[in-house]
């Protein structure tokens, strides 16, 4: 029984080792990066979060079902895309854990504390031997120490029976640069996962003077209202045009004066311009677009009456026709309808009949007589109201990403502009007058070789 238990434990440990070897593999890292690049290309080619009808028209029903099954129409929020990012995070952590203990020991174990032995000399890339005839030991130590202090940090003195060794090093923390860079990538990926899981992107259109307390999230087939914890009021909307002295107008800038209200109290006011958003309550409001909604005045005259009545209807809203069971909706307003002047396209809803869209022209009040209905509609006028279109986003991972970017810059600077440099100077006791200089650097060996050469020249000057 004990043997079977030991065998089971051995198999369990063997599986964990295999799993750890898989995750710390550089091949896995390369594969994941290539896979993410390939998927990003797919996400660029396939339009994300478009209506289903657009996808069916473009790809057909069969291919649409396949692509929709794999969430390729909203791939950046899919579970498998987040899983790939998570595996990459685990892979980077495993790769770092594999090599980090050795680097940590090189930084904190006190390299060189045991002196400079002959076996160690064979492993160091820079070694120079200088002989000084009839040296004064105390003077030699003092001079060597001063030269080391000039180019490196204050050296440590290590004494044995036959030698005195000075050891100095600097910038040992530069060995952590690559791990800081690894950490930055992990932090950026975590920020991306947080934004994918808990963030959203929506929009809202606010008329001048109107206050809203909800936004709309775009999905493939609908716009889902989402309440927010405060209200937003559009106090003013302005459009500035370029002064080109032409009949055409070209928009230079459009701005929105927004006010944030909490429990009916104004807490913040800001003018929102393109690329200068408003931040509040974890949401960011970007100036996205603009437009106008028309309050249309329609006239109605019944065939059996001489009196004419008027009623108002906002563009895009279905309202009842006075004194009837019918309803009407203004689809669009046009300042010029085939050179006939102003007009509105409306659709009439009658019980048990198909909707009937048609045009009403302001300059031709009897144009609707051709319908031969029990009443005639006319277009009397309209009053446009401008609205501002705002893109609203929430990304809880954005600050995590910014922290990761800062760490990456710091890690790259440490990795490329600093190197861990170590120098030994061994002075033999007695009358042989030998001073052995040795050194190493993990990066920028050209710069270290120059500094090491200056140290050697300084020690050579002790002969004089």
Protein backbone atom coordinates (compact mmCIF):
# COMPACT_ATOMS: atom_id res chain seq x y z
CA UNK A 1 0.00 0.00 0.00
CA UNK A 2 2.84 2.36 0.83
CA UNK A 3 4.50 1.58 -2.51
CA UNK A 4 1.29 2.42 -4.42
CA UNK A 5 0.98 5.68 -2.48
CA UNK A 6 4.58 6.62 -3.30
CA UNK A 7 3.97 5.76 -6.97
CA UNK A 8 0.85 7.95 -7.07
CA UNK A 9 2.74 10.86 -5.47
CA UNK A 10 5.56 10.39 -7.97
CA UNK A 11 3.14 10.50 -10.89
CA UNK A 12 1.52 13.63 -9.44
CA UNK A 13 4.88 15.38 -9.10
CA UNK A 14 5.86 14.21 -12.58
CA UNK A 15 2.69 15.75 -14.04
CA UNK A 16 3.34 19.06 -12.27
CA UNK A 17 6.92 19.12 -13.57
CA UNK A 18 5.72 18.45 -17.12
CA UNK A 19 3.10 21.19 -16.77
CA UNK A 20 5.65 23.65 -15.39
CA UNK A 21 8.09 22.78 -18.20
CA UNK A 22 5.33 23.48 -20.72
CA UNK A 23 4.50 26.87 -19.29
CA UNK A 24 8.12 27.99 -18.98
CA UNK A 25 8.87 27.05 -22.58
CA UNK A 26 10.04 29.85 -24.87
CA UNK A 27 8.37 28.02 -27.77
CA UNK A 28 5.02 28.48 -26.01
CA UNK A 29 5.71 32.21 -25.71
CA UNK A 30 6.48 32.52 -29.42
CA UNK A 31 3.41 30.46 -30.33
CA UNK A 32 1.11 32.60 -28.18
CA UNK A 33 2.49 35.85 -29.59
CA UNK A 34 2.05 34.62 -33.18
CA UNK A 35 -1.47 33.41 -32.34
CA UNK A 36 -2.42 36.79 -30.85
CA UNK A 37 -1.03 38.59 -33.90
CA UNK A 38 -3.03 36.30 -36.21
CA UNK A 39 -6.23 36.78 -34.19
CA UNK A 40 -5.72 40.56 -34.21
CA UNK A 41 -5.59 40.44 -38.01
CA UNK A 42 -8.88 38.49 -38.02
CA UNK A 43 -10.41 41.03 -35.63
CA UNK A 44 -9.38 43.80 -38.02
CA UNK A 45 -10.72 42.09 -41.15
CA UNK A 46 -14.04 41.08 -39.54
CA UNK A 47 -16.02 44.09 -38.37
CA UNK A 48 -16.76 43.79 -34.68
CA UNK A 49 -20.23 44.24 -33.11
CA UNK A 50 -22.08 44.97 -36.35
CA UNK A 51 -25.77 44.02 -36.75
CA UNK A 52 -26.44 40.35 -37.52
CA UNK A 53 -28.15 41.29 -40.79
CA UNK A 54 -24.89 42.81 -42.06
CA UNK A 55 -22.98 39.62 -41.27
CA UNK A 56 -25.61 37.39 -42.88
CA UNK A 57 -25.63 39.53 -46.00
CA UNK A 58 -21.84 39.41 -46.22
CA UNK A 59 -21.10 35.80 -45.23
CA UNK A 60 -24.37 33.92 -45.67
CA UNK A 61 -26.33 32.00 -43.04
CA UNK A 62 -24.05 28.95 -42.79
CA UNK A 63 -20.75 30.81 -42.41
CA UNK A 64 -22.44 33.32 -40.09
CA UNK A 65 -23.45 30.52 -37.72
CA UNK A 66 -19.88 29.15 -37.65
CA UNK A 67 -18.26 32.54 -37.04
CA UNK A 68 -20.85 33.45 -34.45
CA UNK A 69 -20.30 30.15 -32.63
CA UNK A 70 -16.62 31.03 -32.17
CA UNK A 71 -17.51 34.62 -31.10
CA UNK A 72 -15.49 36.13 -33.93
CA UNK A 73 -17.90 39.07 -34.15
CA UNK A 74 -16.94 40.18 -30.63
CA UNK A 75 -13.69 38.31 -30.19
CA UNK A 76 -11.94 40.74 -27.84
CA UNK A 77 -14.62 40.08 -25.21
CA UNK A 78 -14.78 36.33 -25.79
CA UNK A 79 -13.79 33.84 -23.11
CA UNK A 80 -11.16 32.18 -25.31
CA UNK A 81 -9.35 35.46 -26.08
CA UNK A 82 -9.14 36.22 -22.36
CA UNK A 83 -7.94 32.64 -21.81
CA UNK A 84 -5.09 33.10 -24.32
CA UNK A 85 -4.00 36.30 -22.53
CA UNK A 86 -4.17 34.45 -19.19
CA UNK A 87 -1.99 31.61 -20.52
CA UNK A 88 0.54 34.18 -21.78
CA UNK A 89 0.63 35.77 -18.31
CA UNK A 90 1.25 32.36 -16.71
CA UNK A 91 3.92 31.62 -19.33
CA UNK A 92 5.81 34.85 -18.57
CA UNK A 93 5.60 34.22 -14.83
CA UNK A 94 6.92 30.65 -15.24
CA UNK A 95 9.80 31.80 -17.48
CA UNK A 96 10.77 34.45 -14.94
CA UNK A 97 10.56 32.09 -11.96
CA UNK A 98 12.87 29.64 -13.68
CA UNK A 99 15.78 32.08 -13.98
CA UNK A 100 15.05 34.62 -11.26
CA UNK A 101 16.54 32.74 -8.23
CA UNK A 102 19.98 32.59 -9.86
CA UNK A 103 19.94 36.30 -10.65
CA UNK A 104 18.70 37.09 -7.15
CA UNK A 105 21.61 35.14 -5.69
CA UNK A 106 24.07 37.02 -7.87
CA UNK A 107 22.73 40.28 -6.48
CA UNK A 108 22.50 39.44 -2.78
CA UNK A 109 24.78 36.49 -2.03
CA UNK A 110 27.86 38.73 -1.78
CA UNK A 111 29.84 37.62 -4.84
CA UNK A 112 33.55 37.88 -4.24
CA UNK A 113 33.34 37.53 -0.47
CA UNK A 114 35.61 34.50 -0.59
CA UNK A 115 38.45 36.24 -2.39
CA UNK A 116 39.83 35.67 -5.88
CA UNK A 117 41.00 32.09 -6.35
CA UNK A 118 42.93 30.67 -9.31
CA UNK A 119 39.93 28.58 -10.36
CA UNK A 120 37.78 31.70 -10.49
CA UNK A 121 40.35 33.48 -12.66
CA UNK A 122 39.77 30.94 -15.42
CA UNK A 123 36.09 31.92 -15.67
CA UNK A 124 36.50 35.71 -15.74
CA UNK A 125 36.79 37.41 -19.15
CA UNK A 126 39.20 40.19 -18.11
CA UNK A 127 42.38 39.30 -16.19
CA UNK A 128 45.62 41.32 -15.96
CA UNK A 129 48.71 40.65 -13.85
CA UNK A 130 51.01 43.46 -12.80
CA UNK A 131 54.34 43.01 -11.06
CA UNK A 132 55.69 45.78 -8.87
CA UNK A 133 59.31 45.43 -7.75
CA UNK A 134 59.87 45.73 -4.01
CA UNK A 135 56.35 46.99 -3.20
CA UNK A 136 55.35 48.40 0.15
CA UNK A 137 52.31 46.33 1.03
CA UNK A 138 50.46 49.06 2.89
CA UNK A 139 51.11 51.59 0.14
CA UNK A 140 50.06 49.14 -2.59
CA UNK A 141 46.80 48.44 -0.79
CA UNK A 142 46.09 52.13 -0.36
CA UNK A 143 46.81 52.91 -4.02
CA UNK A 144 44.74 50.00 -5.34
CA UNK A 145 41.85 50.94 -3.07
CA UNK A 146 41.95 54.55 -4.29
CA UNK A 147 41.91 53.46 -7.95
CA UNK A 148 38.97 51.15 -7.33
CA UNK A 149 37.07 53.90 -5.54
CA UNK A 150 37.67 56.19 -8.51
CA UNK A 151 36.00 53.89 -11.01
CA UNK A 152 33.78 51.74 -8.80
CA UNK A 153 32.15 51.76 -5.40
CA UNK A 154 33.98 51.58 -2.11
CA UNK A 155 35.67 48.13 -2.29
CA UNK A 156 35.49 45.40 0.34
CA UNK A 157 38.76 44.06 1.73
CA UNK A 158 39.14 40.28 1.91
CA UNK A 159 42.31 38.93 3.55
CA UNK A 160 43.69 35.41 3.47
CA UNK A 161 47.03 33.97 4.58
CA UNK A 162 48.82 34.79 1.34
CA UNK A 163 46.73 37.53 -0.34
CA UNK A 164 44.68 40.63 0.22
CA UNK A 165 41.78 41.00 -2.24
CA UNK A 166 39.69 44.06 -2.90
CA UNK A 167 36.30 43.48 -4.47
CA UNK A 168 34.01 46.16 -5.85
CA UNK A 169 30.84 46.12 -7.93
CA UNK A 170 28.23 48.58 -9.17
CA UNK A 171 24.83 48.59 -10.80
CA UNK A 172 24.08 45.06 -9.68
CA UNK A 173 20.37 45.81 -9.79
CA UNK A 174 20.61 46.19 -13.59
CA UNK A 175 20.26 42.40 -13.74
CA UNK A 176 16.62 42.93 -12.74
CA UNK A 177 15.88 44.98 -15.88
CA UNK A 178 14.64 42.05 -17.93
CA UNK A 179 12.38 40.91 -15.09
CA UNK A 180 10.97 44.42 -14.68
CA UNK A 181 10.17 44.30 -18.41
CA UNK A 182 8.53 40.88 -17.97
CA UNK A 183 6.52 42.26 -15.06
CA UNK A 184 5.41 45.24 -17.16
CA UNK A 185 4.08 42.95 -19.89
CA UNK A 186 2.21 40.91 -17.28
CA UNK A 187 0.71 44.09 -15.78
CA UNK A 188 -0.35 45.33 -19.25
CA UNK A 189 -1.98 41.98 -20.05
CA UNK A 190 -3.80 41.97 -16.70
CA UNK A 191 -5.03 45.49 -17.44
CA UNK A 192 -6.28 44.33 -20.84
CA UNK A 193 -8.10 41.38 -19.26
CA UNK A 194 -9.73 43.66 -16.66
CA UNK A 195 -10.87 46.04 -19.39
CA UNK A 196 -12.24 43.18 -21.48
CA UNK A 197 -14.17 41.59 -18.61
CA UNK A 198 -15.44 44.63 -16.70
CA UNK A 199 -15.30 47.49 -19.21
CA UNK A 200 -17.82 48.58 -21.82
CA UNK A 201 -18.28 51.08 -24.65
CA UNK A 202 -21.55 52.85 -25.32
CA UNK A 203 -22.99 56.10 -26.60
CA UNK A 204 -25.62 58.70 -25.84
CA UNK A 205 -27.21 61.56 -27.77
CA UNK A 206 -28.26 64.59 -25.72
CA UNK A 207 -30.34 67.50 -27.01
CA UNK A 208 -29.39 71.00 -25.93
CA UNK A 209 -30.91 71.58 -22.51
CA UNK A 210 -31.75 67.90 -22.05
CA UNK A 211 -30.59 65.77 -19.11
CA UNK A 212 -29.99 62.01 -19.32
CA UNK A 213 -29.20 59.40 -16.70
CA UNK A 214 -28.53 56.43 -18.96
CA UNK A 215 -26.41 55.45 -21.91
CA UNK A 216 -26.86 52.83 -24.64
CA UNK A 217 -24.59 49.85 -25.24
CA UNK A 218 -24.31 48.63 -28.81
CA UNK A 219 -24.85 44.94 -29.42
CA UNK A 220 -25.18 43.08 -32.69
CA UNK A 221 -28.92 43.55 -32.99
CA UNK A 222 -30.00 46.14 -30.46
CA UNK A 223 -29.03 49.04 -28.27
CA UNK A 224 -29.31 48.14 -24.59
CA UNK A 225 -29.98 51.02 -22.16
CA UNK A 226 -27.65 51.12 -19.17
CA UNK A 227 -28.40 53.41 -16.21
CA UNK A 228 -25.53 55.44 -14.74
CA UNK A 229 -25.11 56.72 -11.18
CA UNK A 230 -25.43 60.40 -12.09
CA UNK A 231 -27.04 62.67 -14.67
CA UNK A 232 -25.49 64.53 -17.61
CA UNK A 233 -26.92 67.75 -19.00
CA UNK A 234 -25.96 69.38 -22.28
CA UNK A 235 -26.06 73.12 -21.59
CA UNK A 236 -24.78 74.22 -24.98
CA UNK A 237 -23.55 72.82 -28.28
CA UNK A 238 -21.53 74.84 -30.80
CA UNK A 239 -20.14 74.19 -34.26
CA UNK A 240 -17.30 76.29 -35.68
CA UNK A 241 -16.76 76.38 -39.45
CA UNK A 242 -13.68 77.26 -41.50
CA UNK A 243 -13.91 80.72 -43.10
CA UNK A 244 -13.23 79.69 -46.71
CA UNK A 245 -15.53 82.27 -48.34
CA UNK A 246 -17.30 79.54 -50.25
CA UNK A 247 -20.86 78.32 -50.37
CA UNK A 248 -19.84 74.98 -48.83
CA UNK A 249 -19.27 74.87 -45.09
CA UNK A 250 -16.52 72.73 -43.56
CA UNK A 251 -16.64 71.97 -39.87
CA UNK A 252 -13.59 73.12 -37.94
CA UNK A 253 -14.61 72.10 -34.43
CA UNK A 254 -17.65 71.12 -32.43
CA UNK A 255 -17.90 71.38 -28.67
CA UNK A 256 -20.36 70.47 -25.93
CA UNK A 257 -20.77 72.18 -22.58
CA UNK A 258 -21.68 69.34 -20.20
CA UNK A 259 -22.76 69.49 -16.57
CA UNK A 260 -22.66 66.54 -14.17
CA UNK A 261 -25.48 66.41 -11.62
CA UNK A 262 -25.62 64.32 -8.45
CA UNK A 263 -29.05 64.24 -6.75
CA UNK A 264 -30.03 67.35 -8.70
CA UNK A 265 -26.90 69.26 -7.60
CA UNK A 266 -24.29 70.46 -10.11
CA UNK A 267 -20.90 68.95 -9.25
CA UNK A 268 -18.86 69.45 -12.42
CA UNK A 269 -19.01 71.42 -15.65
CA UNK A 270 -16.67 71.06 -18.60
CA UNK A 271 -16.49 71.85 -22.29
CA UNK A 272 -15.88 68.62 -24.19
CA UNK A 273 -13.90 68.82 -27.42
CA UNK A 274 -12.64 66.05 -29.70
CA UNK A 275 -9.65 64.38 -27.97
CA UNK A 276 -10.42 66.29 -24.74
CA UNK A 277 -12.97 64.10 -22.95
CA UNK A 278 -14.78 64.46 -19.66
CA UNK A 279 -13.90 62.00 -16.89
CA UNK A 280 -16.30 61.37 -14.04
CA UNK A 281 -17.47 58.43 -11.94
CA UNK A 282 -15.24 55.95 -13.77
CA UNK A 283 -16.77 56.92 -17.13
CA UNK A 284 -15.17 58.86 -19.97
CA UNK A 285 -17.29 60.99 -22.30
CA UNK A 286 -15.75 61.63 -25.73
CA UNK A 287 -17.12 64.08 -28.30
CA UNK A 288 -18.10 61.70 -31.09
CA UNK A 289 -20.65 63.20 -33.47
CA UNK A 290 -23.51 65.64 -33.70
CA UNK A 291 -26.80 66.16 -35.49
CA UNK A 292 -30.22 67.67 -35.31
CA UNK A 293 -33.67 66.36 -34.44
CA UNK A 294 -36.62 68.11 -36.08
CA UNK A 295 -39.88 68.90 -34.34
CA UNK A 296 -42.18 68.77 -37.36
CA UNK A 297 -45.53 70.56 -37.55
CA UNK A 298 -48.07 68.75 -39.72
CA UNK A 299 -51.44 69.98 -40.87
CA UNK A 300 -54.50 67.75 -41.27
CA UNK A 301 -57.74 68.49 -43.12
CA UNK A 302 -60.61 66.05 -43.27
CA UNK A 303 -62.44 65.65 -46.56
CA UNK A 304 -65.82 66.35 -44.96
CA UNK A 305 -64.67 69.40 -43.02
CA UNK A 306 -63.32 72.78 -44.03
CA UNK A 307 -61.39 73.40 -40.82
CA UNK A 308 -57.70 72.59 -40.77
CA UNK A 309 -55.87 71.45 -37.63
CA UNK A 310 -52.17 71.16 -36.85
CA UNK A 311 -50.17 68.90 -34.58
CA UNK A 312 -46.50 68.44 -33.78
CA UNK A 313 -44.44 65.26 -33.92
CA UNK A 314 -40.73 64.80 -33.17
CA UNK A 315 -38.65 63.16 -35.86
CA UNK A 316 -38.48 59.40 -35.39
CA UNK A 317 -41.38 59.22 -32.91
CA UNK A 318 -44.73 57.58 -33.62
CA UNK A 319 -47.73 59.73 -32.61
CA UNK A 320 -51.49 59.27 -33.08
CA UNK A 321 -53.28 61.15 -35.85
CA UNK A 322 -55.89 63.45 -34.24
CA UNK A 323 -59.46 62.16 -34.26
CA UNK A 324 -58.58 58.80 -35.84
CA UNK A 325 -57.25 55.34 -35.09
CA UNK A 326 -54.19 55.92 -37.27
CA UNK A 327 -50.63 56.74 -36.25
CA UNK A 328 -47.87 58.58 -38.06
CA UNK A 329 -44.10 58.79 -37.80
CA UNK A 330 -41.75 61.31 -39.40
CA UNK A 331 -38.87 59.29 -40.88
CA UNK A 332 -36.67 62.14 -42.06
CA UNK A 333 -36.57 65.81 -42.88
CA UNK A 334 -34.89 67.07 -46.05
CA UNK A 335 -34.22 70.73 -46.91
CA UNK A 336 -34.41 69.86 -50.63
CA UNK A 337 -36.49 67.06 -52.14
CA UNK A 338 -35.68 66.70 -55.85
CA UNK A 339 -35.63 70.50 -56.32
CA UNK A 340 -39.15 70.79 -54.86
CA UNK A 341 -37.98 72.47 -51.68
CA UNK A 342 -38.40 71.35 -48.08
CA UNK A 343 -40.13 68.11 -47.30
CA UNK A 344 -40.55 65.31 -44.80
CA UNK A 345 -40.90 61.60 -45.36
CA UNK A 346 -43.57 60.08 -43.18
CA UNK A 347 -45.06 56.65 -42.70
CA UNK A 348 -48.74 56.12 -41.93
CA UNK A 349 -49.88 53.20 -39.76
CA UNK A 350 -53.49 52.12 -40.32
CA UNK A 351 -55.20 49.18 -38.63
CA UNK A 352 -54.93 45.96 -40.65
CA UNK A 353 -52.92 47.66 -43.40
CA UNK A 354 -49.28 47.70 -44.41
CA UNK A 355 -47.37 50.87 -43.40
CA UNK A 356 -47.38 53.45 -46.17
CA UNK A 357 -44.33 55.77 -46.44
CA UNK A 358 -44.69 58.92 -48.57
CA UNK A 359 -43.42 62.49 -48.86
CA UNK A 360 -45.05 65.77 -47.84
CA UNK A 361 -43.78 68.93 -49.57
CA UNK A 362 -44.05 72.32 -47.93
CA UNK A 363 -44.34 74.22 -51.24
CA UNK A 364 -47.09 71.89 -52.51
CA UNK A 365 -49.77 71.61 -49.80
CA UNK A 366 -52.11 69.61 -52.08
CA UNK A 367 -49.43 67.01 -52.90
CA UNK A 368 -51.04 64.51 -50.49
CA UNK A 369 -54.37 64.54 -52.28
CA UNK A 370 -53.10 61.82 -54.60
CA UNK A 371 -53.42 59.31 -51.74
CA UNK A 372 -57.20 59.69 -51.90
CA UNK A 373 -57.57 59.16 -48.18
CA UNK A 374 -60.21 60.49 -45.79
CA UNK A 375 -57.81 63.23 -44.72
CA UNK A 376 -55.02 65.24 -46.32
CA UNK A 377 -51.69 65.88 -44.58
CA UNK A 378 -49.51 68.92 -45.14
CA UNK A 379 -46.05 69.90 -44.01
CA UNK A 380 -46.32 73.22 -42.17
CA UNK A 381 -42.79 73.66 -40.83
CA UNK A 382 -40.17 72.39 -38.45
CA UNK A 383 -37.96 73.58 -35.60
CA UNK A 384 -34.61 71.78 -35.45
CA UNK A 385 -32.90 70.94 -32.17
CA UNK A 386 -29.19 70.17 -32.22
CA UNK A 387 -27.86 67.25 -30.23
CA UNK A 388 -24.40 66.16 -29.25
CA UNK A 389 -23.32 62.56 -29.75
CA UNK A 390 -21.02 61.25 -27.02
CA UNK A 391 -19.07 58.02 -26.86
CA UNK A 392 -19.05 56.71 -23.30
CA UNK A 393 -16.46 54.18 -22.15
CA UNK A 394 -15.53 52.49 -18.93
CA UNK A 395 -12.18 50.70 -18.70
CA UNK A 396 -11.09 49.75 -15.16
CA UNK A 397 -7.85 48.36 -16.55
CA UNK A 398 -6.63 51.54 -18.22
CA UNK A 399 -4.59 52.71 -15.22
CA UNK A 400 -3.17 49.23 -14.83
CA UNK A 401 -2.04 49.42 -18.47
CA UNK A 402 -0.46 52.84 -17.89
CA UNK A 403 1.42 51.51 -14.86
CA UNK A 404 2.61 48.59 -17.00
CA UNK A 405 3.81 51.00 -19.71
CA UNK A 406 5.76 52.99 -17.11
CA UNK A 407 7.33 49.79 -15.79
CA UNK A 408 8.24 48.75 -19.34
CA UNK A 409 10.03 52.05 -20.02
CA UNK A 410 11.89 51.76 -16.72
CA UNK A 411 12.79 48.11 -17.37
CA UNK A 412 14.08 48.88 -20.89
CA UNK A 413 16.22 51.74 -19.56
CA UNK A 414 17.68 49.52 -16.83
CA UNK A 415 18.27 46.66 -19.30
CA UNK A 416 19.96 48.65 -22.08
CA UNK A 417 21.71 51.52 -20.31
CA UNK A 418 23.08 49.88 -17.15
CA UNK A 419 25.27 46.83 -16.60
CA UNK A 420 26.41 44.88 -13.57
CA UNK A 421 30.18 45.41 -13.33
CA UNK A 422 32.50 43.56 -10.95
CA UNK A 423 36.22 44.06 -10.29
CA UNK A 424 38.75 42.17 -8.15
CA UNK A 425 42.25 43.27 -7.22
CA UNK A 426 44.39 40.60 -5.53
CA UNK A 427 47.63 41.68 -3.89
CA UNK A 428 50.08 38.94 -2.95
CA UNK A 429 51.76 39.17 0.42
CA UNK A 430 55.53 38.87 0.48
CA UNK A 431 58.13 40.03 -1.95
CA UNK A 432 56.88 38.71 -5.32
CA UNK A 433 55.07 42.01 -5.98
CA UNK A 434 52.19 40.55 -8.01
CA UNK A 435 48.85 42.32 -8.33
CA UNK A 436 46.11 40.43 -10.18
CA UNK A 437 43.24 42.48 -11.62
CA UNK A 438 40.12 40.75 -12.85
CA UNK A 439 36.66 41.88 -13.87
CA UNK A 440 33.41 41.05 -15.62
CA UNK A 441 30.29 42.80 -16.93
CA UNK A 442 27.02 41.23 -18.05
CA UNK A 443 26.35 43.97 -20.65
CA UNK A 444 28.13 46.84 -22.40
CA UNK A 445 31.46 45.06 -22.39
CA UNK A 446 33.01 47.69 -24.63
CA UNK A 447 32.39 50.38 -22.01
CA UNK A 448 33.58 48.12 -19.20
CA UNK A 449 36.74 47.19 -21.11
CA UNK A 450 37.60 50.87 -21.36
CA UNK A 451 37.10 51.41 -17.61
CA UNK A 452 39.02 48.23 -16.79
CA UNK A 453 41.89 49.37 -19.03
CA UNK A 454 42.09 52.67 -17.17
CA UNK A 455 42.22 50.75 -13.88
CA UNK A 456 45.05 48.57 -15.22
CA UNK A 457 46.98 51.66 -16.43
CA UNK A 458 46.59 53.22 -13.01
CA UNK A 459 47.99 50.14 -11.28
CA UNK A 460 50.85 49.98 -13.82
CA UNK A 461 51.80 53.50 -12.78
CA UNK A 462 52.65 52.15 -9.34
CA UNK A 463 55.87 50.74 -10.89
CA UNK A 464 57.23 54.27 -11.29
